[in-house]
Protein backbone atom coordinates (compact mmCIF):
# COMPACT_ATOMS: atom_id res chain seq x y z
CA MET A 1 0.07 -0.08 0.18
CA ALA A 2 0.97 3.50 -0.61
CA CYS A 3 0.73 5.64 2.37
CA CYS A 4 -2.71 7.16 1.07
CA ASP A 5 -3.64 3.72 0.80
CA PHE A 6 -4.02 3.32 4.90
CA PRO A 7 -7.29 4.08 5.83
CA THR A 8 -7.99 7.19 7.70
CA ALA A 9 -7.25 6.74 11.33
CA ALA A 10 -10.33 6.43 13.92
CA LYS A 11 -11.23 8.57 16.61
CA GLY A 12 -8.75 8.54 19.45
CA CYS A 13 -6.15 6.43 16.98
CA ASP A 14 -2.87 7.78 15.93
CA GLY A 15 -2.23 9.24 12.49
CA ALA A 16 1.21 9.48 12.58
CA PHE A 17 4.25 6.52 12.34
CA THR A 18 8.07 7.18 13.72
CA ILE A 19 10.65 5.62 11.59
CA ASP A 20 14.20 4.66 13.30
CA ALA A 21 17.01 2.74 12.12
CA SER A 22 20.46 2.11 13.11
CA ARG A 23 23.59 3.38 10.88
CA VAL A 24 23.87 0.51 8.32
CA THR A 25 27.29 -0.16 6.77
CA PHE A 26 26.15 -3.53 4.14
CA GLY A 27 28.75 -5.04 2.03
CA ARG A 28 31.47 -7.93 1.76
CA GLY A 29 34.70 -6.85 3.50
CA CYS A 30 32.95 -4.14 5.85
CA LEU A 31 34.01 -5.63 8.79
CA ALA A 32 37.22 -4.21 8.52
CA GLU A 33 35.86 -0.92 8.84
CA VAL A 34 35.00 -1.63 12.78
CA GLY A 35 38.16 0.00 14.22
CA ALA A 36 37.88 3.41 12.11
CA ARG A 37 33.69 3.20 13.25
CA ALA A 38 34.30 2.97 16.47
CA SER A 39 37.36 5.58 16.41
CA ALA A 40 35.17 7.77 14.70
CA LEU A 41 32.69 7.08 17.84
CA GLY A 42 34.98 8.72 20.46
CA LEU A 43 35.73 5.58 21.66
CA ARG A 44 39.07 4.46 23.22
CA ARG A 45 38.31 1.72 25.42
CA VAL A 46 36.06 -1.01 23.97
CA ALA A 47 34.17 -4.19 24.90
CA LEU A 48 34.14 -6.77 22.54
CA PHE A 49 31.01 -9.09 23.15
CA SER A 50 31.07 -12.48 21.43
CA ASP A 51 30.54 -16.29 21.74
CA ALA A 52 32.75 -19.12 22.47
CA ASP A 53 32.22 -20.63 18.97
CA VAL A 54 32.76 -17.25 16.82
CA ALA A 55 35.77 -16.44 18.91
CA LYS A 56 37.35 -19.51 17.49
CA LEU A 57 36.60 -18.09 13.68
CA SER A 58 38.88 -15.60 11.99
CA ILE A 59 36.30 -12.87 11.48
CA PHE A 60 36.58 -12.53 15.67
CA GLU A 61 40.63 -11.93 15.33
CA LYS A 62 39.65 -9.58 12.42
CA THR A 63 37.62 -7.46 14.71
CA ARG A 64 39.84 -7.33 17.24
CA ALA A 65 43.13 -6.70 15.16
CA SER A 66 40.86 -3.66 13.44
CA LEU A 67 40.23 -2.33 16.84
CA LEU A 68 43.73 -2.43 18.11
CA ALA A 69 44.77 -0.88 14.61
CA ALA A 70 42.62 2.04 15.16
CA GLY A 71 44.70 2.59 18.65
CA LEU A 72 41.72 1.11 21.03
CA ALA A 73 42.34 -1.06 23.96
CA VAL A 74 39.99 -3.98 23.40
CA ILE A 75 38.44 -6.52 26.50
CA THR A 76 36.59 -9.59 24.91
CA TYR A 77 34.11 -11.14 26.65
CA THR A 78 33.22 -14.66 25.32
CA ASP A 79 30.76 -15.88 27.73
CA VAL A 80 27.43 -15.11 25.75
CA HIS A 81 25.04 -18.17 25.81
CA VAL A 82 23.02 -19.49 22.58
CA GLU A 83 19.60 -18.28 23.27
CA PRO A 84 20.90 -16.27 26.59
CA THR A 85 19.29 -16.11 29.98
CA ASP A 86 18.12 -13.84 32.63
CA MET A 87 21.45 -15.35 34.46
CA SER A 88 23.53 -15.05 31.92
CA PHE A 89 22.36 -11.16 30.95
CA LEU A 90 23.33 -10.50 34.62
CA ASP A 91 26.71 -12.40 34.17
CA GLY A 92 27.43 -9.94 30.89
CA ALA A 93 26.04 -6.68 32.67
CA ARG A 94 28.55 -7.63 35.85
CA PHE A 95 31.26 -7.54 33.38
CA ALA A 96 30.19 -4.43 31.85
CA GLN A 97 29.59 -2.55 35.12
CA GLU A 98 33.23 -3.59 36.25
CA LEU A 99 34.87 -2.45 33.18
CA ASN A 100 33.11 0.37 31.66
CA PRO A 101 33.82 1.00 28.55
CA ASP A 102 33.69 3.66 26.57
CA GLY A 103 31.50 1.74 24.09
CA TYR A 104 30.83 -1.41 22.58
CA VAL A 105 31.05 -3.87 19.82
CA SER A 106 29.11 -6.88 19.34
CA LEU A 107 30.03 -9.91 17.04
CA GLY A 108 27.51 -12.61 16.84
CA GLY A 109 24.17 -13.76 16.16
CA GLY A 110 20.97 -12.27 17.63
CA SER A 111 22.21 -13.73 21.50
CA VAL A 112 25.51 -12.01 21.10
CA ILE A 113 24.20 -8.75 20.01
CA ASP A 114 20.91 -8.99 22.46
CA THR A 115 23.64 -9.79 25.14
CA CYS A 116 25.45 -6.77 24.24
CA LYS A 117 22.31 -4.79 24.46
CA ALA A 118 21.40 -5.71 27.60
CA ALA A 119 24.98 -5.57 29.40
CA ASN A 120 25.24 -1.80 27.98
CA LEU A 121 21.58 -0.75 29.62
CA TYR A 122 22.17 -2.32 32.63
CA ALA A 123 25.89 -1.21 33.06
CA THR A 124 24.67 2.49 32.35
CA TYR A 125 21.46 2.70 34.53
CA PRO A 126 21.92 -0.33 37.15
CA ALA A 127 18.61 -1.58 38.08
CA GLU A 128 16.84 -5.26 39.03
CA LEU A 129 16.61 -7.35 36.13
CA LEU A 130 13.05 -7.10 35.38
CA THR A 131 13.07 -3.15 35.91
CA TYR A 132 12.84 -2.65 32.21
CA VAL A 133 11.58 -5.66 31.31
CA ASN A 134 8.09 -5.85 28.93
CA ALA A 135 5.21 -5.68 31.34
CA PRO A 136 3.10 -7.32 32.41
CA VAL A 137 6.07 -9.86 33.05
CA GLY A 138 8.51 -7.17 34.08
CA GLU A 139 7.97 -3.69 35.45
CA GLY A 140 8.18 -1.87 31.80
CA LYS A 141 9.71 0.92 33.04
CA PRO A 142 11.49 3.35 30.09
CA VAL A 143 15.13 3.14 29.79
CA PRO A 144 16.13 6.51 31.74
CA GLY A 145 18.36 7.99 29.00
CA PRO A 146 21.10 7.18 26.21
CA LEU A 147 23.37 4.27 26.28
CA LYS A 148 26.90 4.43 25.07
CA PRO A 149 28.00 3.75 21.67
CA HIS A 150 27.59 0.10 20.23
CA ILE A 151 28.21 -1.38 16.82
CA ALA A 152 26.77 -4.60 15.87
CA CYS A 153 28.33 -6.89 13.71
CA PRO A 154 25.95 -9.84 12.56
CA THR A 155 27.23 -13.08 11.90
CA THR A 156 23.93 -14.92 11.16
CA ALA A 157 21.12 -13.78 8.54
CA GLY A 158 18.36 -13.76 10.54
CA THR A 159 17.22 -11.97 13.75
CA GLY A 160 17.79 -8.64 12.69
CA SER A 161 18.69 -7.39 16.03
CA GLU A 162 21.66 -5.28 14.68
CA VAL A 163 19.14 -2.69 13.86
CA THR A 164 16.41 -2.90 16.31
CA GLY A 165 15.66 -1.74 20.15
CA ILE A 166 15.06 -4.92 21.52
CA THR A 167 16.68 -7.63 23.17
CA ILE A 168 15.15 -10.66 24.06
CA PHE A 169 16.34 -13.46 27.05
CA ASP A 170 14.67 -16.70 28.57
CA LEU A 171 13.52 -15.87 32.05
CA LEU A 172 14.36 -19.33 33.80
CA SER A 173 11.72 -18.74 36.52
CA LEU A 174 9.00 -18.67 34.21
CA SER A 175 9.92 -21.49 31.53
CA ALA A 176 9.75 -18.70 28.95
CA LYS A 177 11.05 -16.05 26.74
CA THR A 178 10.54 -12.21 27.29
CA GLY A 179 12.48 -9.04 26.52
CA ILE A 180 12.75 -5.34 26.83
CA ALA A 181 11.86 -2.80 23.86
CA SER A 182 13.61 0.21 23.76
CA PRO A 183 14.73 2.86 21.23
CA ALA A 184 17.71 3.19 23.29
CA LEU A 185 18.86 -0.57 22.77
CA ARG A 186 19.14 0.31 19.15
CA PRO A 187 22.48 -0.10 18.20
CA THR A 188 24.40 2.95 16.91
CA GLU A 189 26.01 1.44 13.87
CA ALA A 190 25.32 -1.99 12.41
CA LEU A 191 28.08 -3.71 10.04
CA VAL A 192 26.60 -6.30 7.93
CA ASP A 193 28.78 -7.73 6.35
CA PRO A 194 27.79 -11.18 4.22
CA ASP A 195 30.93 -12.94 4.54
CA CYS A 196 30.58 -13.77 8.10
CA THR A 197 27.83 -15.93 7.49
CA ALA A 198 30.00 -18.40 4.75
CA SER A 199 30.89 -20.90 7.48
CA LEU A 200 26.98 -21.34 8.91
CA PRO A 201 26.06 -24.76 8.60
CA PRO A 202 22.65 -25.30 6.85
CA GLU A 203 20.38 -25.93 9.87
CA VAL A 204 21.37 -22.46 11.08
CA VAL A 205 20.89 -20.67 8.04
CA ALA A 206 17.29 -22.23 7.39
CA ALA A 207 16.10 -21.44 10.88
CA ALA A 208 17.53 -17.72 10.77
CA GLY A 209 16.18 -17.34 7.34
CA LEU A 210 12.50 -18.43 8.28
CA ASP A 211 12.91 -16.00 11.38
CA VAL A 212 13.53 -13.23 8.43
CA LEU A 213 10.48 -14.61 6.68
CA SER A 214 8.32 -14.02 9.55
CA HIS A 215 9.77 -10.97 10.78
CA ALA A 216 8.19 -9.45 7.25
CA LEU A 217 4.88 -11.40 7.12
CA GLU A 218 4.17 -10.48 10.70
CA SER A 219 4.99 -6.98 10.31
CA TYR A 220 3.42 -6.91 6.79
CA THR A 221 0.17 -8.20 8.43
CA ALA A 222 0.39 -6.69 11.84
CA ARG A 223 -2.78 -4.29 12.82
CA PRO A 224 -2.02 -0.74 11.08
CA TYR A 225 -0.72 1.94 12.84
CA VAL A 226 -3.79 3.82 12.22
CA ARG A 227 -6.11 1.31 14.43
CA ARG A 228 -3.49 1.89 17.29
CA LEU A 229 -4.51 4.25 19.91
CA ALA A 230 -2.55 7.79 20.07
CA PRO A 231 0.12 8.05 22.93
CA GLU A 232 -0.33 11.10 25.00
CA ARG A 233 3.20 12.51 23.96
CA PRO A 234 4.95 11.46 21.11
CA ASN A 235 8.00 10.04 22.94
CA LEU A 236 5.55 7.51 24.03
CA ARG A 237 4.79 6.13 20.63
CA PRO A 238 5.94 2.23 20.59
CA MET A 239 8.10 0.89 18.38
CA SER A 240 5.53 -2.12 17.37
CA GLN A 241 3.31 0.78 15.73
CA GLY A 242 1.56 -1.75 13.52
CA ALA A 243 2.02 -2.11 9.47
CA ASN A 244 2.98 1.20 7.98
CA PRO A 245 3.89 2.78 4.62
CA TRP A 246 8.00 2.23 5.68
CA SER A 247 7.76 -1.08 7.25
CA ASP A 248 5.91 -2.20 4.10
CA LEU A 249 8.80 -1.32 1.73
CA GLY A 250 11.21 -3.64 3.63
CA CYS A 251 8.76 -6.38 4.00
CA ARG A 252 7.82 -6.91 0.25
CA ALA A 253 11.76 -6.75 -0.50
CA ALA A 254 12.74 -9.20 2.36
CA LEU A 255 9.82 -11.54 1.29
CA ARG A 256 10.51 -11.31 -2.61
CA LEU A 257 14.49 -12.08 -1.46
CA LEU A 258 13.39 -14.87 0.60
CA GLY A 259 11.21 -16.59 -2.36
CA GLN A 260 14.30 -16.42 -4.37
CA TYR A 261 17.53 -16.80 -2.29
CA LEU A 262 16.64 -18.79 0.86
CA GLU A 263 16.51 -22.48 -0.18
CA ARG A 264 19.59 -21.85 -2.32
CA ALA A 265 21.63 -20.48 0.61
CA VAL A 266 20.89 -23.47 2.82
CA GLN A 267 21.21 -26.09 0.17
CA ASP A 268 24.76 -25.07 -0.92
CA SER A 269 27.03 -23.10 1.55
CA ALA A 270 29.15 -22.01 -1.35
CA ASP A 271 26.29 -20.09 -3.18
CA SER A 272 27.81 -16.64 -2.24
CA GLU A 273 24.91 -14.92 -4.12
CA ALA A 274 22.59 -16.46 -1.85
CA ARG A 275 23.87 -15.71 1.24
CA GLU A 276 24.41 -12.30 0.38
CA GLN A 277 21.10 -11.66 -0.61
CA MET A 278 19.91 -13.42 2.67
CA MET A 279 21.69 -11.09 4.60
CA TRP A 280 20.06 -8.17 3.10
CA ALA A 281 16.53 -9.94 3.39
CA ALA A 282 17.47 -9.84 7.17
CA THR A 283 18.62 -6.25 7.25
CA LEU A 284 15.68 -5.15 5.32
CA ALA A 285 13.11 -7.12 7.66
CA GLY A 286 15.11 -5.83 10.63
CA ILE A 287 14.48 -2.15 9.87
CA ALA A 288 10.93 -2.94 9.01
CA PHE A 289 9.65 -5.16 12.04
CA GLY A 290 12.01 -2.52 14.31
CA ASN A 291 9.18 -0.08 12.77
CA ALA A 292 6.32 -2.14 12.65
CA GLY A 293 6.52 -5.16 15.21
CA VAL A 294 5.67 -8.44 14.59
CA HIS A 295 2.72 -10.10 16.26
CA ALA A 296 1.50 -13.81 17.14
CA PRO A 297 3.84 -16.25 15.67
CA HIS A 298 6.75 -14.65 17.79
CA GLY A 299 4.54 -14.16 21.04
CA MET A 300 4.00 -17.95 20.22
CA ALA A 301 7.63 -18.95 19.65
CA TYR A 302 8.37 -17.41 23.20
CA ALA A 303 6.57 -20.21 24.89
CA VAL A 304 7.88 -22.90 22.60
CA ALA A 305 11.38 -22.41 23.35
CA GLY A 306 10.76 -21.80 27.19
CA LEU A 307 9.17 -25.11 27.44
CA VAL A 308 11.50 -27.24 25.64
CA ARG A 309 12.14 -30.46 27.02
CA ASP A 310 14.23 -32.79 25.67
CA PHE A 311 14.97 -31.35 21.59
CA ARG A 312 18.34 -30.58 20.46
CA PRO A 313 18.55 -29.88 16.76
CA SER A 314 21.86 -30.52 14.42
CA GLY A 315 23.95 -27.72 13.57
CA TYR A 316 23.30 -26.19 17.13
CA PRO A 317 25.32 -26.64 20.52
CA ALA A 318 24.20 -30.13 21.75
CA ASP A 319 24.67 -29.09 26.01
CA LYS A 320 20.96 -28.47 26.17
CA PRO A 321 17.59 -28.89 24.72
CA LEU A 322 16.80 -26.13 22.66
CA VAL A 323 14.59 -24.96 20.16
CA PRO A 324 16.19 -22.09 17.93
CA HIS A 325 14.32 -19.00 18.06
CA GLY A 326 13.54 -19.07 13.88
CA MET A 327 12.41 -22.67 14.50
CA ALA A 328 10.42 -21.86 17.38
CA VAL A 329 8.63 -19.13 15.57
CA ILE A 330 7.95 -21.14 12.03
CA VAL A 331 6.14 -23.80 13.42
CA ASN A 332 3.61 -21.55 14.52
CA ALA A 333 3.34 -19.52 11.51
CA PRO A 334 0.80 -21.37 9.01
CA SER A 335 -1.58 -21.49 11.93
CA VAL A 336 -1.61 -18.19 12.47
CA PHE A 337 -2.03 -16.92 9.40
CA ARG A 338 -4.77 -19.28 8.36
CA PHE A 339 -6.38 -17.42 11.41
CA THR A 340 -5.65 -14.02 10.49
CA ALA A 341 -6.26 -14.13 6.92
CA GLN A 342 -9.93 -12.69 7.20
CA VAL A 343 -8.80 -9.46 8.37
CA SER A 344 -6.26 -8.55 5.16
CA PRO A 345 -6.83 -11.31 3.02
CA GLU A 346 -5.16 -9.17 0.20
CA ARG A 347 -2.15 -8.78 2.15
CA HIS A 348 -1.71 -12.71 2.99
CA LEU A 349 -2.25 -13.47 -0.91
CA GLU A 350 0.58 -10.76 -1.34
CA GLY A 351 3.01 -12.41 1.04
CA ALA A 352 2.37 -15.53 -0.67
CA GLN A 353 2.76 -14.50 -4.10
CA LEU A 354 6.23 -12.81 -3.19
CA LEU A 355 7.52 -15.86 -1.73
CA GLY A 356 6.98 -17.38 -5.01
CA ALA A 357 3.01 -19.15 -4.72
CA ASP A 358 1.07 -19.27 -7.68
CA THR A 359 -1.90 -17.18 -6.29
CA GLN A 360 -3.66 -16.85 -9.99
CA GLY A 361 -7.21 -17.63 -9.18
CA ALA A 362 -7.22 -17.08 -5.67
CA ASP A 363 -9.58 -14.92 -3.71
CA ALA A 364 -10.43 -13.75 -0.40
CA ASN A 365 -11.57 -17.01 0.97
CA ASP A 366 -8.38 -18.77 0.16
CA ALA A 367 -5.54 -16.38 1.34
CA GLY A 368 -4.50 -17.97 4.94
CA GLU A 369 -4.81 -21.57 3.10
CA VAL A 370 -2.85 -20.05 -0.01
CA LEU A 371 -0.08 -18.69 2.41
CA ALA A 372 0.07 -21.33 4.76
CA ASN A 373 0.68 -23.85 2.46
CA GLU A 374 3.42 -21.84 0.77
CA ILE A 375 5.11 -21.64 4.45
CA ILE A 376 4.75 -25.30 4.67
CA ARG A 377 6.52 -25.96 1.06
CA ILE A 378 9.45 -23.77 2.43
CA MET A 379 9.56 -25.12 5.82
CA ARG A 380 9.78 -28.72 4.20
CA ALA A 381 12.35 -27.93 1.33
CA VAL A 382 14.88 -26.68 3.87
CA GLY A 383 14.55 -29.33 6.89
CA MET A 384 12.11 -27.72 9.37
CA PRO A 385 10.23 -30.15 12.03
CA ASN A 386 6.71 -30.81 11.20
CA GLY A 387 5.07 -28.27 13.33
CA LEU A 388 4.98 -28.33 17.14
CA SER A 389 5.01 -32.07 17.09
CA GLY A 390 8.62 -32.08 15.51
CA VAL A 391 10.15 -30.58 18.71
CA GLY A 392 9.02 -32.67 21.38
CA TYR A 393 5.27 -31.46 22.10
CA THR A 394 1.99 -33.19 22.14
CA ASP A 395 -1.63 -32.16 22.40
CA ASP A 396 -1.52 -32.10 26.55
CA ASP A 397 0.98 -29.28 26.10
CA VAL A 398 -1.38 -27.04 24.57
CA ALA A 399 -2.66 -25.41 28.16
CA ALA A 400 0.63 -25.23 29.32
CA LEU A 401 1.85 -23.42 25.71
CA ALA A 402 -0.89 -20.86 25.63
CA GLU A 403 -0.18 -20.12 29.42
CA GLY A 404 3.20 -19.32 28.19
CA ALA A 405 2.34 -17.05 25.39
CA TYR A 406 -0.56 -15.05 26.86
CA PRO A 407 1.94 -12.63 28.78
CA GLN A 408 3.43 -11.45 25.45
CA GLN A 409 0.97 -9.03 25.33
CA ARG A 410 3.80 -6.32 23.66
CA LEU A 411 3.37 -8.97 20.72
CA LEU A 412 0.05 -10.22 20.74
CA GLN A 413 -1.60 -6.84 20.77
CA ASN A 414 0.35 -5.99 17.79
CA ALA A 415 -2.10 -8.63 15.77
CA PRO A 416 -4.57 -8.00 13.61
CA ARG A 417 -7.21 -10.64 15.30
CA ALA A 418 -7.52 -10.72 19.16
CA MET A 419 -4.99 -13.38 20.85
CA SER A 420 -7.13 -14.73 23.86
CA LYS A 421 -5.95 -17.43 25.94
CA PRO A 422 -8.65 -19.82 23.63
CA VAL A 423 -8.09 -18.63 20.74
CA LEU A 424 -3.99 -19.08 21.36
CA ALA A 425 -4.60 -22.53 22.57
CA ASP A 426 -6.55 -23.66 19.56
CA LEU A 427 -3.58 -21.99 17.15
CA PHE A 428 -0.93 -24.13 19.02
CA ARG A 429 -3.31 -27.19 18.48
CA GLN A 430 -3.80 -26.36 14.66
CA ALA A 431 0.39 -25.95 14.98
CA MET A 432 0.97 -29.73 16.21
CA ARG A 433 1.74 -31.26 12.73
CA TYR A 434 1.30 -29.92 8.95
CA TRP A 435 1.92 -32.99 6.93
């Protein structure tokens, strides 16, 4: 839709939207710029966040060498957990508090970038962990002010964390994921170097790519910004504003790229064009959902990941049960889009078409099924599990999953249809298996 194609805001609803984004540098080899970028921000002592696996790769030494060559002192933190928890967030925050650096560089996937965001926040404005965590799980208090500079360097094509003000973690006491959302958390700069994904195993490329797919589809089908209540003050306008003309641009472009390159990127690690285009799709979708917000598939994913019992996917660390984030999202997506299609069938059909589905002859009544079937086709092509049953859940888990998802109101309220506990339970039940 063009801007004028959105309906006029109803009485009491917002008639404007805000566009925010990190400064983005994209291209092969741009990781080498990190030292010059950090120096230009006035940094002298830098905390370099990564994880143990990335720290073994040549890109880690390349990043560190670039920072040292720029005359910066570099102190590394490589204890980041894949799929971080409240405890690992606190460990990173304690490191940052003790070091008190001028700024931060994160090199890794979403887990690393999110941990670095949290460390920056709690070192700058110390507080109990739940102080800034989204309500109703936490207190939802606003971040008091700006954070220190943070240059995010993603090594996966998926989360978009390098361009969003969102950080996600497992709250162990609830066995569910939750997070913090604030424009202050958005990294100052992002260096998006497609070469960083060259060594990723296909399972990681698949899960991360399907996270991108759902970012784009959820943002594109979210409740329109003109249907959200107007804030009391402009600075209270949420980042999850709903679908808007800016986010639509990124969503459409990302979906088109996913339809063309996701399967290629998974099936052939030497296909550098596909890996590069997936990185670009992730950046576009990240900027889009950073200004529109995602909805039910992500809200449901937090329960799927948090309640996992014994599933251990190939391509990921096997030291603990894990449902990777993109996998936890996509197993819900076909069920959700079948349900939401009646609100905006034209957007659901267009999403399917952009991904590569033949929508000729389809009408509004077909929209949900057409989109769901295209997502299922892609899931099977890249080796995803068969719905929730494929990651270890049964119908007996539906009530617990619905209870775990319902507190994710920041996400669920962005959905185009109401997400009550009974609705969530039904969606989880329909997501148990697809083929």
